[in-house]
PDB file of N, CA and C in Angstrom:
ATOM      1  N   MET A   1      91.199  95.316 122.825  1.00  0.00           N
ATOM      2  CA  MET A   1      91.306  95.509 120.459  1.00  0.00           C
ATOM      3  C   MET A   1      90.286  94.471 120.346  1.00  0.00           C
ATOM      4  N   GLN A   2      89.549  95.196 119.858  1.00  0.00           N
ATOM      5  CA  GLN A   2      88.248  94.179 119.234  1.00  0.00           C
ATOM      6  C   GLN A   2      88.807  93.741 117.428  1.00  0.00           C
ATOM      7  N   HIS A   3      88.102  92.651 117.185  1.00  0.00           N
ATOM      8  CA  HIS A   3      88.340  91.777 115.954  1.00  0.00           C
ATOM      9  C   HIS A   3      87.160  92.015 115.091  1.00  0.00           C
ATOM     10  N   ILE A   4      87.367  91.774 113.891  1.00  0.00           N
ATOM     11  CA  ILE A   4      86.020  91.273 112.801  1.00  0.00           C
ATOM     12  C   ILE A   4      87.086  90.506 111.874  1.00  0.00           C
ATOM     13  N   SER A   5      86.109  89.226 111.863  1.00  0.00           N
ATOM     14  CA  SER A   5      86.079  88.344 110.814  1.00  0.00           C
ATOM     15  C   SER A   5      86.183  88.835 109.433  1.00  0.00           C
ATOM     16  N   ALA A   6      87.172  87.657 108.597  1.00  0.00           N
ATOM     17  CA  ALA A   6      86.670  88.128 107.221  1.00  0.00           C
ATOM     18  C   ALA A   6      85.441  88.393 106.806  1.00  0.00           C
ATOM     19  N   GLU A   7      85.123  87.119 107.203  1.00  0.00           N
ATOM     20  CA  GLU A   7      83.734  86.788 106.771  1.00  0.00           C
ATOM     21  C   GLU A   7      82.250  87.880 107.012  1.00  0.00           C
ATOM     22  N   ASP A   8      82.639  88.044 108.327  1.00  0.00           N
ATOM     23  CA  ASP A   8      81.635  89.330 109.077  1.00  0.00           C
ATOM     24  C   ASP A   8      82.192  90.568 107.945  1.00  0.00           C
ATOM     25  N   LEU A   9      83.358  91.226 107.732  1.00  0.00           N
ATOM     26  CA  LEU A   9      83.306  92.306 107.222  1.00  0.00           C
ATOM     27  C   LEU A   9      82.797  92.411 105.863  1.00  0.00           C
ATOM     28  N   LYS A  10      83.167  91.052 104.950  1.00  0.00           N
ATOM     29  CA  LYS A  10      82.633  91.031 103.773  1.00  0.00           C
ATOM     30  C   LYS A  10      81.182  91.588 103.935  1.00  0.00           C
ATOM     31  N   GLU A  11      80.278  90.600 104.854  1.00  0.00           N
ATOM     32  CA  GLU A  11      78.483  90.689 104.979  1.00  0.00           C
ATOM     33  C   GLU A  11      78.526  92.580 105.389  1.00  0.00           C
ATOM     34  N   MET A  12      79.150  93.661 106.400  1.00  0.00           N
ATOM     35  CA  MET A  12      79.030  94.292 106.534  1.00  0.00           C
ATOM     36  C   MET A  12      79.135  95.279 105.309  1.00  0.00           C
ATOM     37  N   LEU A  13      80.218  95.072 104.565  1.00  0.00           N
ATOM     38  CA  LEU A  13      80.890  95.864 103.038  1.00  0.00           C
ATOM     39  C   LEU A  13      79.352  95.479 102.637  1.00  0.00           C
ATOM     40  N   SER A  14      78.750  94.198 102.207  1.00  0.00           N
ATOM     41  CA  SER A  14      78.146  94.343 101.222  1.00  0.00           C
ATOM     42  C   SER A  14      76.585  94.147 101.631  1.00  0.00           C
ATOM     43  N   ARG A  15      76.272  95.080 102.802  1.00  0.00           N
ATOM     44  CA  ARG A  15      75.146  95.513 103.258  1.00  0.00           C
ATOM     45  C   ARG A  15      75.417  97.296 103.240  1.00  0.00           C
ATOM     46  N   GLY A  16      76.406  97.671 102.507  1.00  0.00           N
ATOM     47  CA  GLY A  16      76.613  98.883 102.726  1.00  0.00           C
ATOM     48  C   GLY A  16      76.953  99.781 104.350  1.00  0.00           C
ATOM     49  N   ASP A  17      77.374  99.024 105.592  1.00  0.00           N
ATOM     50  CA  ASP A  17      77.270  99.594 106.471  1.00  0.00           C
ATOM     51  C   ASP A  17      78.522 101.096 106.822  1.00  0.00           C
ATOM     52  N   ASP A  18      77.750 101.626 107.286  1.00  0.00           N
ATOM     53  CA  ASP A  18      78.742 103.071 107.275  1.00  0.00           C
ATOM     54  C   ASP A  18      79.959 102.617 108.164  1.00  0.00           C
ATOM     55  N   MET A  19      81.108 102.530 107.226  1.00  0.00           N
ATOM     56  CA  MET A  19      82.756 102.584 108.371  1.00  0.00           C
ATOM     57  C   MET A  19      83.877 103.016 107.591  1.00  0.00           C
ATOM     58  N   LEU A  20      84.632 102.779 107.998  1.00  0.00           N
ATOM     59  CA  LEU A  20      86.297 103.666 107.672  1.00  0.00           C
ATOM     60  C   LEU A  20      86.804 102.564 107.812  1.00  0.00           C
ATOM     61  N   LEU A  21      87.943 102.299 106.175  1.00  0.00           N
ATOM     62  CA  LEU A  21      88.198 101.351 106.268  1.00  0.00           C
ATOM     63  C   LEU A  21      89.692 101.618 106.255  1.00  0.00           C
ATOM     64  N   ILE A  22      90.843 101.002 106.827  1.00  0.00           N
ATOM     65  CA  ILE A  22      92.091 101.062 106.710  1.00  0.00           C
ATOM     66  C   ILE A  22      92.898 100.099 106.333  1.00  0.00           C
ATOM     67  N   ASP A  23      93.984 100.878 105.141  1.00  0.00           N
ATOM     68  CA  ASP A  23      95.302  99.718 105.049  1.00  0.00           C
ATOM     69  C   ASP A  23      96.366 100.436 105.399  1.00  0.00           C
ATOM     70  N   VAL A  24      96.903  99.177 106.571  1.00  0.00           N
ATOM     71  CA  VAL A  24      98.382 100.119 107.314  1.00  0.00           C
ATOM     72  C   VAL A  24      99.349  99.448 106.494  1.00  0.00           C
ATOM     73  N   ARG A  25      99.235  98.739 105.351  1.00  0.00           N
ATOM     74  CA  ARG A  25     100.085  98.120 104.715  1.00  0.00           C
ATOM     75  C   ARG A  25     101.259  99.247 104.068  1.00  0.00           C
ATOM     76  N   GLU A  26     102.227  98.669 102.806  1.00  0.00           N
ATOM     77  CA  GLU A  26     102.975  99.868 102.543  1.00  0.00           C
ATOM     78  C   GLU A  26     102.496  99.795 100.641  1.00  0.00           C
ATOM     79  N   PRO A  27     102.833 100.889 100.369  1.00  0.00           N
ATOM     80  CA  PRO A  27     101.484 101.176  99.258  1.00  0.00           C
ATOM     81  C   PRO A  27     101.970 100.020  97.549  1.00  0.00           C
ATOM     82  N   PHE A  28     103.034  99.276  97.699  1.00  0.00           N
ATOM     83  CA  PHE A  28     103.128  98.221  96.854  1.00  0.00           C
ATOM     84  C   PHE A  28     102.103  97.433  97.280  1.00  0.00           C
ATOM     85  N   GLU A  29     101.978  96.986  98.621  1.00  0.00           N
ATOM     86  CA  GLU A  29     101.232  95.794  98.839  1.00  0.00           C
ATOM     87  C   GLU A  29      99.360  96.127  98.461  1.00  0.00           C
ATOM     88  N   HIS A  30      99.288  97.713  98.919  1.00  0.00           N
ATOM     89  CA  HIS A  30      97.928  98.533  98.349  1.00  0.00           C
ATOM     90  C   HIS A  30      97.553  98.386  97.255  1.00  0.00           C
ATOM     91  N   GLU A  31      98.738  98.183  96.046  1.00  0.00           N
ATOM     92  CA  GLU A  31      98.515  98.525  94.528  1.00  0.00           C
ATOM     93  C   GLU A  31      98.394  97.519  94.469  1.00  0.00           C
ATOM     94  N   ALA A  32      98.852  96.044  94.770  1.00  0.00           N
ATOM     95  CA  ALA A  32      98.406  94.694  94.177  1.00  0.00           C
ATOM     96  C   ALA A  32      97.568  94.310  94.804  1.00  0.00           C
ATOM     97  N   PHE A  33      96.957  94.506  95.509  1.00  0.00           N
ATOM     98  CA  PHE A  33      95.767  94.237  95.612  1.00  0.00           C
ATOM     99  C   PHE A  33      95.098  94.932  97.353  1.00  0.00           C
ATOM    100  N   HIS A  34      93.949  95.581  97.099  1.00  0.00           N
ATOM    101  CA  HIS A  34      92.905  95.969  98.415  1.00  0.00           C
ATOM    102  C   HIS A  34      91.830  95.388  98.239  1.00  0.00           C
ATOM    103  N   ILE A  35      91.020  95.980  99.505  1.00  0.00           N
ATOM    104  CA  ILE A  35      89.557  95.836  99.437  1.00  0.00           C
ATOM    105  C   ILE A  35      88.844  96.944  99.387  1.00  0.00           C
ATOM    106  N   GLY A  36      89.471  98.094  99.288  1.00  0.00           N
ATOM    107  CA  GLY A  36      88.946  99.563  99.466  1.00  0.00           C
ATOM    108  C   GLY A  36      89.452  99.779 100.377  1.00  0.00           C
ATOM    109  N   GLY A  37      88.673 101.544 100.937  1.00  0.00           N
ATOM    110  CA  GLY A  37      89.167 102.460 102.014  1.00  0.00           C
ATOM    111  C   GLY A  37      90.292 103.118 101.626  1.00  0.00           C
ATOM    112  N   THR A  38      91.311 103.496 102.514  1.00  0.00           N
ATOM    113  CA  THR A  38      92.436 104.463 102.488  1.00  0.00           C
ATOM    114  C   THR A  38      93.503 104.004 103.312  1.00  0.00           C
ATOM    115  N   LEU A  39      94.562 104.340 102.026  1.00  0.00           N
ATOM    116  CA  LEU A  39      96.172 103.738 102.374  1.00  0.00           C
ATOM    117  C   LEU A  39      96.589 104.582 103.491  1.00  0.00           C
ATOM    118  N   VAL A  40      96.749 103.869 104.935  1.00  0.00           N
ATOM    119  CA  VAL A  40      98.064 104.650 105.740  1.00  0.00           C
ATOM    120  C   VAL A  40      98.429 104.159 106.339  1.00  0.00           C
ATOM    121  N   PRO A  41     100.104 103.628 105.724  1.00  0.00           N
ATOM    122  CA  PRO A  41     101.190 102.517 106.406  1.00  0.00           C
ATOM    123  C   PRO A  41     101.709 103.253 107.734  1.00  0.00           C
ATOM    124  N   LEU A  42     101.598 101.769 108.031  1.00  0.00           N
ATOM    125  CA  LEU A  42     102.050 102.189 109.675  1.00  0.00           C
ATOM    126  C   LEU A  42     102.559 102.746 110.058  1.00  0.00           C
ATOM    127  N   GLY A  43     104.034 103.075 109.680  1.00  0.00           N
ATOM    128  CA  GLY A  43     105.265 104.369 110.076  1.00  0.00           C
ATOM    129  C   GLY A  43     104.323 106.127 109.897  1.00  0.00           C
ATOM    130  N   ASP A  44     103.077 105.580 108.916  1.00  0.00           N
ATOM    131  CA  ASP A  44     102.700 107.352 109.012  1.00  0.00           C
ATOM    132  C   ASP A  44     101.508 107.857 109.627  1.00  0.00           C
ATOM    133  N   LEU A  45     101.118 106.439 110.728  1.00  0.00           N
ATOM    134  CA  LEU A  45      99.757 106.726 111.227  1.00  0.00           C
ATOM    135  C   LEU A  45      99.201 107.848 112.019  1.00  0.00           C
ATOM    136  N   LEU A  46     100.155 107.520 112.799  1.00  0.00           N
ATOM    137  CA  LEU A  46     100.226 108.451 114.378  1.00  0.00           C
ATOM    138  C   LEU A  46      99.975 110.351 113.375  1.00  0.00           C
ATOM    139  N   GLU A  47     100.574 110.609 112.299  1.00  0.00           N
ATOM    140  CA  GLU A  47     100.619 111.420 112.311  1.00  0.00           C
ATOM    141  C   GLU A  47      99.479 112.036 111.193  1.00  0.00           C
ATOM    142  N   HIS A  48      98.378 111.342 111.059  1.00  0.00           N
ATOM    143  CA  HIS A  48      96.947 111.226 110.213  1.00  0.00           C
ATOM    144  C   HIS A  48      95.689 110.743 111.675  1.00  0.00           C
ATOM    145  N   GLY A  49      96.412 110.912 112.795  1.00  0.00           N
ATOM    146  CA  GLY A  49      95.588 110.291 113.754  1.00  0.00           C
ATOM    147  C   GLY A  49      94.342 111.019 113.689  1.00  0.00           C
ATOM    148  N   ASP A  50      93.482 112.745 113.029  1.00  0.00           N
ATOM    149  CA  ASP A  50      92.787 113.431 112.419  1.00  0.00           C
ATOM    150  C   ASP A  50      91.623 112.331 111.909  1.00  0.00           C
ATOM    151  N   ILE A  51      92.141 111.060 110.958  1.00  0.00           N
ATOM    152  CA  ILE A  51      91.357 110.909 109.979  1.00  0.00           C
ATOM    153  C   ILE A  51      90.323 109.437 110.820  1.00  0.00           C
ATOM    154  N   PHE A  52      90.994 109.425 112.180  1.00  0.00           N
ATOM    155  CA  PHE A  52      90.141 108.498 113.044  1.00  0.00           C
ATOM    156  C   PHE A  52      89.333 108.976 113.761  1.00  0.00           C
ATOM    157  N   LYS A  53      88.734 110.396 114.157  1.00  0.00           N
ATOM    158  CA  LYS A  53      88.172 111.392 114.924  1.00  0.00           C
ATOM    159  C   LYS A  53      87.206 110.968 114.276  1.00  0.00           C
ATOM    160  N   VAL A  54      86.266 109.965 113.962  1.00  0.00           N
ATOM    161  CA  VAL A  54      84.624 109.620 113.781  1.00  0.00           C
ATOM    162  C   VAL A  54      83.848 108.916 114.194  1.00  0.00           C
ATOM    163  N   GLU A  55      82.463 109.129 114.399  1.00  0.00           N
ATOM    164  CA  GLU A  55      81.427 108.207 114.863  1.00  0.00           C
ATOM    165  C   GLU A  55      80.938 106.964 114.120  1.00  0.00           C
ATOM    166  N   LYS A  56      81.896 105.949 113.594  1.00  0.00           N
ATOM    167  CA  LYS A  56      81.480 105.195 113.247  1.00  0.00           C
ATOM    168  C   LYS A  56      82.912 104.226 113.327  1.00  0.00           C
ATOM    169  N   PRO A  57      82.536 102.999 113.087  1.00  0.00           N
ATOM    170  CA  PRO A  57      83.552 101.503 113.326  1.00  0.00           C
ATOM    171  C   PRO A  57      84.508 101.791 112.595  1.00  0.00           C
ATOM    172  N   VAL A  58      86.025 101.748 112.945  1.00  0.00           N
ATOM    173  CA  VAL A  58      87.041 102.033 111.654  1.00  0.00           C
ATOM    174  C   VAL A  58      87.769 100.587 111.607  1.00  0.00           C
ATOM    175  N   VAL A  59      87.602  99.464 110.710  1.00  0.00           N
ATOM    176  CA  VAL A  59      88.253  98.505 110.690  1.00  0.00           C
ATOM    177  C   VAL A  59      89.688  98.974 109.549  1.00  0.00           C
ATOM    178  N   LEU A  60      90.717  98.240 110.743  1.00  0.00           N
ATOM    179  CA  LEU A  60      91.996  98.323 109.760  1.00  0.00           C
ATOM    180  C   LEU A  60      92.679  96.908 109.374  1.00  0.00           C
ATOM    181  N   TYR A  61      93.390  96.833 108.351  1.00  0.00           N
ATOM    182  CA  TYR A  61      93.676  95.843 107.949  1.00  0.00           C
ATOM    183  C   TYR A  61      95.067  95.783 107.162  1.00  0.00           C
ATOM    184  N   CYS A  62      95.917  94.399 106.943  1.00  0.00           N
ATOM    185  CA  CYS A  62      97.139  94.490 106.540  1.00  0.00           C
ATOM    186  C   CYS A  62      96.959  92.906 106.341  1.00  0.00           C
ATOM    187  N   GLU A  63      98.707  92.597 105.495  1.00  0.00           N
ATOM    188  CA  GLU A  63      98.474  91.072 105.187  1.00  0.00           C
ATOM    189  C   GLU A  63      98.160  89.787 106.282  1.00  0.00           C
ATOM    190  N   LYS A  64      98.839  90.242 107.199  1.00  0.00           N
ATOM    191  CA  LYS A  64      98.196  89.298 108.110  1.00  0.00           C
ATOM    192  C   LYS A  64      97.872  89.310 109.066  1.00  0.00           C
ATOM    193  N   GLY A  65      97.577  90.444 109.556  1.00  0.00           N
ATOM    194  CA  GLY A  65      96.619  91.200 110.886  1.00  0.00           C
ATOM    195  C   GLY A  65      97.737  91.656 112.143  1.00  0.00           C
ATOM    196  N   ILE A  66      98.547  91.803 111.943  1.00  0.00           N
ATOM    197  CA  ILE A  66      99.952  91.947 112.823  1.00  0.00           C
ATOM    198  C   ILE A  66     100.107  93.283 112.567  1.00  0.00           C
ATOM    199  N   ARG A  67     100.598  93.784 111.740  1.00  0.00           N
ATOM    200  CA  ARG A  67     100.444  95.252 111.562  1.00  0.00           C
ATOM    201  C   ARG A  67      99.635  96.344 112.271  1.00  0.00           C
ATOM    202  N   SER A  68      98.228  95.815 111.634  1.00  0.00           N
ATOM    203  CA  SER A  68      96.776  96.850 112.005  1.00  0.00           C
ATOM    204  C   SER A  68      96.875  96.334 113.566  1.00  0.00           C
ATOM    205  N   GLN A  69      97.226  95.264 114.000  1.00  0.00           N
ATOM    206  CA  GLN A  69      96.958  95.238 115.498  1.00  0.00           C
ATOM    207  C   GLN A  69      98.069  96.664 116.089  1.00  0.00           C
ATOM    208  N   ILE A  70      99.045  96.311 115.690  1.00  0.00           N
ATOM    209  CA  ILE A  70     100.140  96.926 116.309  1.00  0.00           C
ATOM    210  C   ILE A  70      99.771  98.338 115.978  1.00  0.00           C
ATOM    211  N   ALA A  71      98.811  99.113 114.451  1.00  0.00           N
ATOM    212  CA  ALA A  71      98.316  99.915 114.531  1.00  0.00           C
ATOM    213  C   ALA A  71      97.489 100.631 115.357  1.00  0.00           C
ATOM    214  N   ILE A  72      96.499  99.667 115.664  1.00  0.00           N
ATOM    215  CA  ILE A  72      95.396  99.840 116.525  1.00  0.00           C
ATOM    216  C   ILE A  72      95.926 100.015 118.455  1.00  0.00           C
ATOM    217  N   GLN A  73      96.660  99.447 118.739  1.00  0.00           N
ATOM    218  CA  GLN A  73      97.381  99.657 120.164  1.00  0.00           C
ATOM    219  C   GLN A  73      98.169 100.932 120.280  1.00  0.00           C
ATOM    220  N   ARG A  74      98.685 101.515 119.064  1.00  0.00           N
ATOM    221  CA  ARG A  74      99.405 103.078 119.068  1.00  0.00           C
ATOM    222  C   ARG A  74      98.177 103.651 118.706  1.00  0.00           C
ATOM    223  N   LEU A  75      97.045 103.805 118.412  1.00  0.00           N
ATOM    224  CA  LEU A  75      96.226 104.545 118.207  1.00  0.00           C
ATOM    225  C   LEU A  75      95.171 104.783 119.315  1.00  0.00           C
ATOM    226  N   GLU A  76      95.077 103.444 120.150  1.00  0.00           N
ATOM    227  CA  GLU A  76      94.565 103.440 121.640  1.00  0.00           C
ATOM    228  C   GLU A  76      95.372 104.273 122.230  1.00  0.00           C
ATOM    229  N   GLN A  77      96.476 104.036 122.102  1.00  0.00           N
ATOM    230  CA  GLN A  77      97.333 104.356 123.449  1.00  0.00           C
ATOM    231  C   GLN A  77      97.545 106.046 123.315  1.00  0.00           C
ATOM    232  N   LYS A  78      97.517 106.538 122.158  1.00  0.00           N
ATOM    233  CA  LYS A  78      97.484 107.545 121.992  1.00  0.00           C
ATOM    234  C   LYS A  78      96.774 108.682 121.801  1.00  0.00           C
ATOM    235  N   PHE A  79      95.799 108.107 121.185  1.00  0.00           N
ATOM    236  CA  PHE A  79      94.401 109.315 121.154  1.00  0.00           C
ATOM    237  C   PHE A  79      93.362 108.333 121.839  1.00  0.00           C
ATOM    238  N   GLY A  80      93.590 107.383 122.883  1.00  0.00           N
ATOM    239  CA  GLY A  80      92.083 106.540 123.319  1.00  0.00           C
ATOM    240  C   GLY A  80      91.437 106.363 122.463  1.00  0.00           C
ATOM    241  N   PHE A  81      91.274 106.102 121.286  1.00  0.00           N
ATOM    242  CA  PHE A  81      90.266 105.422 120.630  1.00  0.00           C
ATOM    243  C   PHE A  81      89.299 104.253 120.666  1.00  0.00           C
ATOM    244  N   THR A  82      88.057 104.160 121.052  1.00  0.00           N
ATOM    245  CA  THR A  82      87.941 102.694 121.092  1.00  0.00           C
ATOM    246  C   THR A  82      87.034 101.732 120.282  1.00  0.00           C
ATOM    247  N   HIS A  83      86.681 102.569 118.912  1.00  0.00           N
ATOM    248  CA  HIS A  83      86.354 102.385 117.657  1.00  0.00           C
ATOM    249  C   HIS A  83      86.977 101.574 116.789  1.00  0.00           C
ATOM    250  N   LEU A  84      87.794 101.291 117.027  1.00  0.00           N
ATOM    251  CA  LEU A  84      88.700 100.327 116.494  1.00  0.00           C
ATOM    252  C   LEU A  84      88.808  98.737 116.084  1.00  0.00           C
ATOM    253  N   TYR A  85      88.964  98.312 114.809  1.00  0.00           N
ATOM    254  CA  TYR A  85      88.472  96.978 114.533  1.00  0.00           C
ATOM    255  C   TYR A  85      89.774  96.722 113.572  1.00  0.00           C
ATOM    256  N   ASN A  86      90.475  95.016 114.365  1.00  0.00           N
ATOM    257  CA  ASN A  86      91.356  93.996 113.491  1.00  0.00           C
ATOM    258  C   ASN A  86      91.032  93.586 112.438  1.00  0.00           C
ATOM    259  N   LEU A  87      91.124  93.413 111.674  1.00  0.00           N
ATOM    260  CA  LEU A  87      90.703  92.265 110.409  1.00  0.00           C
ATOM    261  C   LEU A  87      91.340  91.509 110.982  1.00  0.00           C
ATOM    262  N   SER A  88      90.731  90.051 111.657  1.00  0.00           N
ATOM    263  CA  SER A  88      91.417  89.063 111.995  1.00  0.00           C
ATOM    264  C   SER A  88      92.071  87.916 111.051  1.00  0.00           C
ATOM    265  N   GLY A  89      93.199  88.295 110.964  1.00  0.00           N
ATOM    266  CA  GLY A  89      94.098  87.257 110.115  1.00  0.00           C
ATOM    267  C   GLY A  89      94.098  88.379 108.457  1.00  0.00           C
ATOM    268  N   GLY A  90      93.636  89.356 108.566  1.00  0.00           N
ATOM    269  CA  GLY A  90      94.263  90.317 107.259  1.00  0.00           C
ATOM    270  C   GLY A  90      94.192  89.863 106.019  1.00  0.00           C
ATOM    271  N   MET A  91      94.539  90.394 104.943  1.00  0.00           N
ATOM    272  CA  MET A  91      94.490  90.134 103.626  1.00  0.00           C
ATOM    273  C   MET A  91      94.414  88.296 102.977  1.00  0.00           C
ATOM    274  N   SER A  92      95.565  87.893 103.916  1.00  0.00           N
ATOM    275  CA  SER A  92      95.388  86.556 103.799  1.00  0.00           C
ATOM    276  C   SER A  92      94.034  85.512 104.106  1.00  0.00           C
ATOM    277  N   ALA A  93      93.439  85.968 105.443  1.00  0.00           N
ATOM    278  CA  ALA A  93      92.007  85.273 105.816  1.00  0.00           C
ATOM    279  C   ALA A  93      91.223  86.276 104.929  1.00  0.00           C
ATOM    280  N   TRP A  94      91.691  87.163 103.927  1.00  0.00           N
ATOM    281  CA  TRP A  94      89.911  87.980 103.275  1.00  0.00           C
ATOM    282  C   TRP A  94      90.248  86.805 101.771  1.00  0.00           C
ATOM    283  N   ARG A  95      91.312  86.598 101.740  1.00  0.00           N
ATOM    284  CA  ARG A  95      91.410  86.146 100.518  1.00  0.00           C
ATOM    285  C   ARG A  95      90.713  84.567 100.556  1.00  0.00           C
ATOM    286  N   LYS A  96      91.558  83.765 101.533  1.00  0.00           N
ATOM    287  CA  LYS A  96      90.676  82.520 102.213  1.00  0.00           C
ATOM    288  C   LYS A  96      89.287  82.706 102.167  1.00  0.00           C
ATOM    289  N   ALA A  97      88.935  83.502 102.524  1.00  0.00           N
ATOM    290  CA  ALA A  97      87.373  83.425 102.596  1.00  0.00           C
ATOM    291  C   ALA A  97      86.659  83.867 101.689  1.00  0.00           C
ATOM    292  N   ASN A  98      87.173  84.051 100.360  1.00  0.00           N
ATOM    293  CA  ASN A  98      86.266  85.210  99.384  1.00  0.00           C
ATOM    294  C   ASN A  98      87.212  83.451  98.070  1.00  0.00           C
ATOM    295  N   ALA A  99      87.866  82.752  98.608  1.00  0.00           N
ATOM    296  CA  ALA A  99      88.123  81.831  97.836  1.00  0.00           C
ATOM    297  C   ALA A  99      86.939  80.731  97.816  1.00  0.00           C
ATOM    298  N   LYS A 100      86.590  80.444  98.954  1.00  0.00           N
ATOM    299  CA  LYS A 100      85.973  79.502  99.366  1.00  0.00           C
ATOM    300  C   LYS A 100      84.610  79.997  99.179  1.00  0.00           C
ATOM    301  N   GLY A 101      83.987  80.982  98.496  1.00  0.00           N
ATOM    302  CA  GLY A 101      82.797  81.456  98.062  1.00  0.00           C
ATOM    303  C   GLY A 101      82.152  81.766  99.338  1.00  0.00           C
ATOM    304  N   GLU A 102      82.548  82.225 100.719  1.00  0.00           N
ATOM    305  CA  GLU A 102      81.638  82.630 101.956  1.00  0.00           C
ATOM    306  C   GLU A 102      81.212  84.118 101.298  1.00  0.00           C
TER     307      GLU A 102
END
């Protein structure tokens, strides 16, 4: 499993790098705060496997990085995807990195 830091993701987004960003949290969490991308809750993930069939990096995120790690494990096992990245520390790390002004 590949990981990406909040700082590196922020830099990629600011450069406009081509990627797919997936939030695996619940709708109420996404509505409260998100960094963009598509909402696909962890419980619904395997029903939406087709959206991951892309030729670009796919970054999955959640609140702490645990659900997104589970999501990646499930997607790798079921579909064999290798271009998936887990946002290390999830939204908690994202908020902390942005609070420091990094």
